[in-house]
Amino acid sequence: MTLSPQEVSAYKQILSNPTQHGMDFKPIQECFQPSDKVTAKHLLFEQLISLIKVPLPKVIFYILMDEMYGDTIGKSEDGCAGYALSVVA
C-alpha cells in the first residue's frame, strides 16, 4: 500500500473531526485514555474499529497513533509493541 502525506492528513482530519465530515463517532482523541497497562497496538486497533464501526487501514492507525501517542509506546505483557492506553467505551 502506497500512502501519500495527503492521504494520511485526510484520514487524520476525518478521525479528528468526524462530525464535520458527516461521520457519527467520537473524535479519535476522545477514544483513548491513559492506562498503567500497555495494550498491544493490534488490540487497540481492533477495539477502535469495534467502537467507531468504520473501516480504517491498519497502517493509517499506526501512523496516527505513533504521531499522537508516541510518548506512550511500550511493550505489552505478551511482548507486543503497544501503547499505555485503553479505549474509552
Protein backbone atom coordinates (compact mmCIF):
# COMPACT_ATOMS: atom_id res chain seq x y z
CA MET A 1 0.00 0.00 0.00
CA THR A 2 1.47 3.31 -1.06
CA LEU A 3 0.42 6.26 1.06
CA SER A 4 0.88 9.92 0.40
CA PRO A 5 1.13 12.60 3.08
CA GLN A 6 -2.18 13.95 1.75
CA GLU A 7 -3.94 10.61 2.41
CA VAL A 8 -2.60 10.42 5.94
CA SER A 9 -3.66 14.02 6.53
CA ALA A 10 -7.15 13.33 5.17
CA TYR A 11 -7.61 10.35 7.50
CA LYS A 12 -6.36 12.44 10.41
CA GLN A 13 -8.84 15.20 9.61
CA ILE A 14 -11.75 12.77 9.37
CA LEU A 15 -10.83 10.88 12.55
CA SER A 16 -10.17 14.09 14.48
CA ASN A 17 -13.34 15.87 13.32
CA PRO A 18 -15.79 13.16 12.27
CA THR A 19 -18.97 15.23 12.60
CA GLN A 20 -17.58 17.84 10.17
CA HIS A 21 -17.34 15.01 7.63
CA GLY A 22 -20.76 13.51 8.25
CA MET A 23 -19.50 10.67 10.44
CA ASP A 24 -21.23 9.54 13.61
CA PHE A 25 -18.43 8.60 16.03
CA LYS A 26 -16.27 10.27 18.66
CA PRO A 27 -13.05 12.01 17.59
CA ILE A 28 -10.07 9.65 17.89
CA GLN A 29 -8.60 11.83 20.66
CA GLU A 30 -11.66 11.02 22.81
CA CYS A 31 -11.47 7.26 22.17
CA PHE A 32 -8.40 6.63 24.34
CA GLN A 33 -7.41 7.30 27.91
CA PRO A 34 -4.09 6.83 29.72
CA SER A 35 -3.56 3.47 31.37
CA ASP A 36 -0.96 1.91 33.66
CA LYS A 37 -1.09 -1.18 31.45
CA VAL A 38 0.33 -1.24 27.91
CA THR A 39 -2.13 -2.66 25.36
CA ALA A 40 -0.82 -4.17 22.13
CA LYS A 41 -1.26 -1.92 19.10
CA HIS A 42 -3.22 -4.52 17.15
CA LEU A 43 -5.67 -4.97 20.04
CA LEU A 44 -6.26 -1.23 20.35
CA PHE A 45 -6.85 -1.13 16.59
CA GLU A 46 -9.49 -3.87 16.84
CA GLN A 47 -11.14 -2.15 19.81
CA LEU A 48 -11.23 1.19 17.98
CA ILE A 49 -12.79 -0.35 14.88
CA SER A 50 -15.45 -2.01 17.07
CA LEU A 51 -16.15 1.35 18.68
CA ILE A 52 -16.31 3.59 15.60
CA LYS A 53 -17.62 0.93 13.17
CA VAL A 54 -15.78 2.46 10.23
CA PRO A 55 -13.17 0.67 8.09
CA LEU A 56 -9.68 2.03 8.59
CA PRO A 57 -6.40 0.76 7.15
CA LYS A 58 -4.28 -0.57 10.00
CA VAL A 59 -1.20 1.27 8.70
CA ILE A 60 -3.08 4.60 8.97
CA PHE A 61 -4.00 3.75 12.56
CA TYR A 62 -0.36 3.01 13.39
CA ILE A 63 0.90 6.21 11.76
CA LEU A 64 -1.65 8.42 13.50
CA MET A 65 -1.28 6.72 16.88
CA ASP A 66 2.51 6.99 16.77
CA GLU A 67 2.13 10.68 15.94
CA MET A 68 -0.46 11.40 18.64
CA TYR A 69 0.57 8.95 21.37
CA GLY A 70 4.23 8.19 20.63
CA ASP A 71 5.18 9.07 24.18
CA THR A 72 3.04 6.18 25.49
CA ILE A 73 4.66 3.41 23.40
CA GLY A 74 5.81 0.41 25.37
CA LYS A 75 5.74 -3.36 25.43
CA SER A 76 2.55 -5.20 26.40
CA GLU A 77 2.51 -8.18 28.75
CA ASP A 78 2.56 -10.55 25.77
CA GLY A 79 5.67 -8.84 24.38
CA CYS A 80 3.95 -6.91 21.58
CA ALA A 81 4.53 -3.24 20.88
CA GLY A 82 1.71 -1.17 22.29
CA TYR A 83 0.53 1.99 23.97
CA ALA A 84 -0.14 2.75 27.65
CA LEU A 85 -3.73 3.46 26.71
CA SER A 86 -7.16 1.92 26.95
CA VAL A 87 -10.25 2.50 24.84
CA VAL A 88 -12.97 4.68 26.32
CA ALA A 89 -16.27 2.83 25.96
